Amino acid sequence: MTFSFAQDVNKDDNKATPIVSSKTTRKLQFLDMTKFDSDMRVSIASNVDEVEVDFYDKVSPNKTPERLQKWLTAVENNGGSINIEPPPNEMVPKSPFALISLLGTLWTQITKITDYLDNKNEYAVKNRNATITLERNPQGEVVITKVVFSKI
C-alpha cells in the first residue's frame, strides 16, 4: 500500500482531503521521509502558484530538518529568495539582517547543506521563493508553522 501525506485543497471551501497516490498537490504535511521529496517535486511540477508545507510537529528554526534545508538551499541557489515571516504581533526589525541574526543557525545550516543537494530538487524549485512562517508556541519558543514555496 502506498501512502502520501499530501493533501489536495479545494480553494472554494478550504476543505483538505487526504490522497493516497502521488497526484499533484498544493498542500503537504512535512514528514522527514523520501516520500516527502517526491510529493514536493510532483506538487511544484504541477505548476500551482504556491506549495504550502505544514508540520505535524512544529520545529525550531535552529533545528530545521536537513531534508527541508535542502529544498530551501535549492531555492536560494536558483536565484529565489528566502523570506521570514516573524510571529504575529512581534516587533519586526527594521533591518532584515537583524532578523537573520536571530535565526543565524538556520541560515548557517542552509548554506552548509549545499554540497549535499539533490539535483532533482535544484531543478524543481527554479523560479520559486520560499517564505518561512514563524509563531510562538505555548512555551514561548519560536517555531516554524509552515513554509510556502511560491512562483516568482
Protein backbone atom coordinates (compact mmCIF):
# COMPACT_ATOMS: atom_id res chain seq x y z
CA MET A 1 0.00 0.00 0.00
CA THR A 2 1.31 3.46 -0.91
CA PHE A 3 0.63 6.37 1.39
CA SER A 4 1.05 10.00 0.58
CA PHE A 5 0.97 12.59 3.28
CA ALA A 6 -0.04 15.24 0.78
CA GLN A 7 -3.40 16.91 0.73
CA ASP A 8 -5.43 18.30 -2.12
CA VAL A 9 -7.06 21.58 -1.09
CA ASN A 10 -10.18 23.00 -2.70
CA LYS A 11 -9.77 26.78 -2.59
CA ASP A 12 -13.55 27.34 -2.66
CA ASP A 13 -14.36 25.58 0.60
CA ASN A 14 -10.89 25.23 2.18
CA LYS A 15 -11.54 21.56 2.96
CA ALA A 16 -8.48 19.33 2.79
CA THR A 17 -8.93 15.78 1.54
CA PRO A 18 -6.17 13.23 2.11
CA ILE A 19 -4.97 11.48 -1.02
CA VAL A 20 -3.47 8.04 -1.43
CA SER A 21 -1.29 8.48 -4.52
CA SER A 22 1.33 10.96 -5.69
CA LYS A 23 -1.15 13.13 -7.53
CA THR A 24 -0.47 16.83 -7.99
CA THR A 25 -0.88 18.67 -4.69
CA ARG A 26 -0.88 22.20 -3.29
CA LYS A 27 -0.52 21.44 0.40
CA LEU A 28 1.89 18.97 2.00
CA GLN A 29 2.46 17.75 5.54
CA PHE A 30 6.17 17.56 6.25
CA LEU A 31 7.50 14.16 7.26
CA ASP A 32 11.23 13.54 7.19
CA MET A 33 10.95 10.73 4.62
CA THR A 34 11.94 10.34 0.96
CA LYS A 35 8.24 10.27 0.08
CA PHE A 36 8.11 13.95 1.02
CA ASP A 37 10.71 14.78 -1.66
CA SER A 38 8.75 13.01 -4.41
CA ASP A 39 5.47 14.63 -3.28
CA MET A 40 7.20 18.02 -3.24
CA ARG A 41 8.59 17.57 -6.78
CA VAL A 42 5.16 16.49 -8.06
CA SER A 43 3.48 19.45 -6.36
CA ILE A 44 5.89 22.00 -7.80
CA ALA A 45 5.81 20.38 -11.25
CA SER A 46 2.02 20.79 -11.22
CA ASN A 47 2.73 24.48 -11.80
CA VAL A 48 0.49 25.73 -8.98
CA ASP A 49 1.18 29.20 -7.66
CA GLU A 50 2.08 28.03 -4.15
CA VAL A 51 3.04 24.82 -2.45
CA GLU A 52 2.47 25.05 1.30
CA VAL A 53 4.38 22.73 3.62
CA ASP A 54 2.81 22.36 7.06
CA PHE A 55 4.25 20.50 10.05
CA TYR A 56 2.78 17.80 12.27
CA ASP A 57 5.43 18.67 14.84
CA LYS A 58 6.47 22.31 14.76
CA VAL A 59 10.25 22.69 14.84
CA SER A 60 12.59 25.41 15.96
CA PRO A 61 14.24 27.34 13.10
CA ASN A 62 17.53 26.21 14.65
CA LYS A 63 16.52 22.56 14.25
CA THR A 64 15.17 22.67 10.70
CA PRO A 65 15.28 19.13 9.28
CA GLU A 66 18.04 18.54 6.74
CA ARG A 67 15.50 17.39 4.14
CA LEU A 68 13.75 20.78 4.28
CA GLN A 69 17.09 22.64 4.38
CA LYS A 70 17.95 21.06 1.01
CA TRP A 71 14.79 22.49 -0.54
CA LEU A 72 15.46 25.96 0.91
CA THR A 73 19.06 25.89 -0.32
CA ALA A 74 17.85 24.87 -3.78
CA VAL A 75 15.55 27.92 -3.84
CA GLU A 76 18.44 30.20 -2.94
CA ASN A 77 20.81 28.55 -5.45
CA ASN A 78 18.29 29.13 -8.24
CA GLY A 79 18.02 32.86 -7.62
CA GLY A 80 14.95 32.71 -5.39
CA SER A 81 14.76 34.39 -2.02
CA ILE A 82 14.02 33.02 1.41
CA ASN A 83 11.77 35.31 3.40
CA ILE A 84 10.96 35.03 7.07
CA GLU A 85 7.57 35.98 8.45
CA PRO A 86 8.02 36.68 12.18
CA PRO A 87 5.48 35.59 14.80
CA PRO A 88 2.30 37.71 14.82
CA ASN A 89 2.28 40.84 16.98
CA GLU A 90 6.04 40.83 17.43
CA MET A 91 8.32 43.69 16.70
CA VAL A 92 9.84 43.37 13.26
CA PRO A 93 13.43 44.61 12.97
CA LYS A 94 13.94 47.47 10.53
CA SER A 95 16.90 45.67 9.08
CA PRO A 96 16.34 42.19 7.65
CA PHE A 97 19.85 41.37 8.83
CA ALA A 98 18.75 41.77 12.44
CA LEU A 99 16.08 39.11 11.94
CA ILE A 100 18.56 36.89 10.13
CA SER A 101 20.96 37.18 13.04
CA LEU A 102 18.20 35.90 15.35
CA LEU A 103 17.88 32.87 13.11
CA GLY A 104 21.56 32.59 12.27
CA THR A 105 21.75 28.88 12.84
CA LEU A 106 19.04 28.27 10.25
CA TRP A 107 20.94 30.25 7.62
CA THR A 108 24.23 28.56 8.50
CA GLN A 109 22.64 25.15 8.15
CA ILE A 110 21.08 26.08 4.81
CA THR A 111 24.38 27.21 3.32
CA LYS A 112 26.34 24.23 4.68
CA ILE A 113 23.97 21.76 3.10
CA THR A 114 24.74 23.00 -0.44
CA ASP A 115 27.24 20.18 -1.03
CA TYR A 116 24.58 17.57 -0.35
CA LEU A 117 21.85 18.85 -2.63
CA ASP A 118 19.71 16.55 -4.70
CA ASN A 119 19.87 17.82 -8.31
CA LYS A 120 16.19 16.99 -8.77
CA ASN A 121 15.36 19.47 -6.01
CA GLU A 122 17.54 22.11 -7.65
CA TYR A 123 15.66 21.87 -10.92
CA ALA A 124 12.22 21.57 -9.30
CA VAL A 125 12.34 24.90 -7.44
CA LYS A 126 13.52 27.08 -10.31
CA ASN A 127 11.63 30.39 -10.27
CA ARG A 128 10.37 29.90 -6.71
CA ASN A 129 10.72 31.87 -3.49
CA ALA A 130 10.24 30.41 -0.03
CA THR A 131 8.54 32.07 2.92
CA ILE A 132 9.14 30.62 6.38
CA THR A 133 6.29 31.50 8.74
CA LEU A 134 7.12 31.57 12.45
CA GLU A 135 4.97 31.60 15.58
CA ARG A 136 5.44 31.30 19.31
CA ASN A 137 4.28 28.04 20.87
CA PRO A 138 2.63 27.97 24.34
CA GLN A 139 6.10 27.63 25.92
CA GLY A 140 7.15 30.91 24.27
CA GLU A 141 9.57 29.27 21.83
CA VAL A 142 9.72 30.39 18.21
CA VAL A 143 8.76 27.55 15.85
CA ILE A 144 8.20 27.13 12.13
CA THR A 145 4.48 26.94 11.32
CA LYS A 146 4.77 26.48 7.58
CA VAL A 147 6.98 27.05 4.57
CA VAL A 148 5.40 28.30 1.35
CA PHE A 149 7.17 27.85 -1.98
CA SER A 150 5.69 30.41 -4.36
CA LYS A 151 6.27 31.32 -8.00
CA ILE A 152 8.48 34.32 -8.64
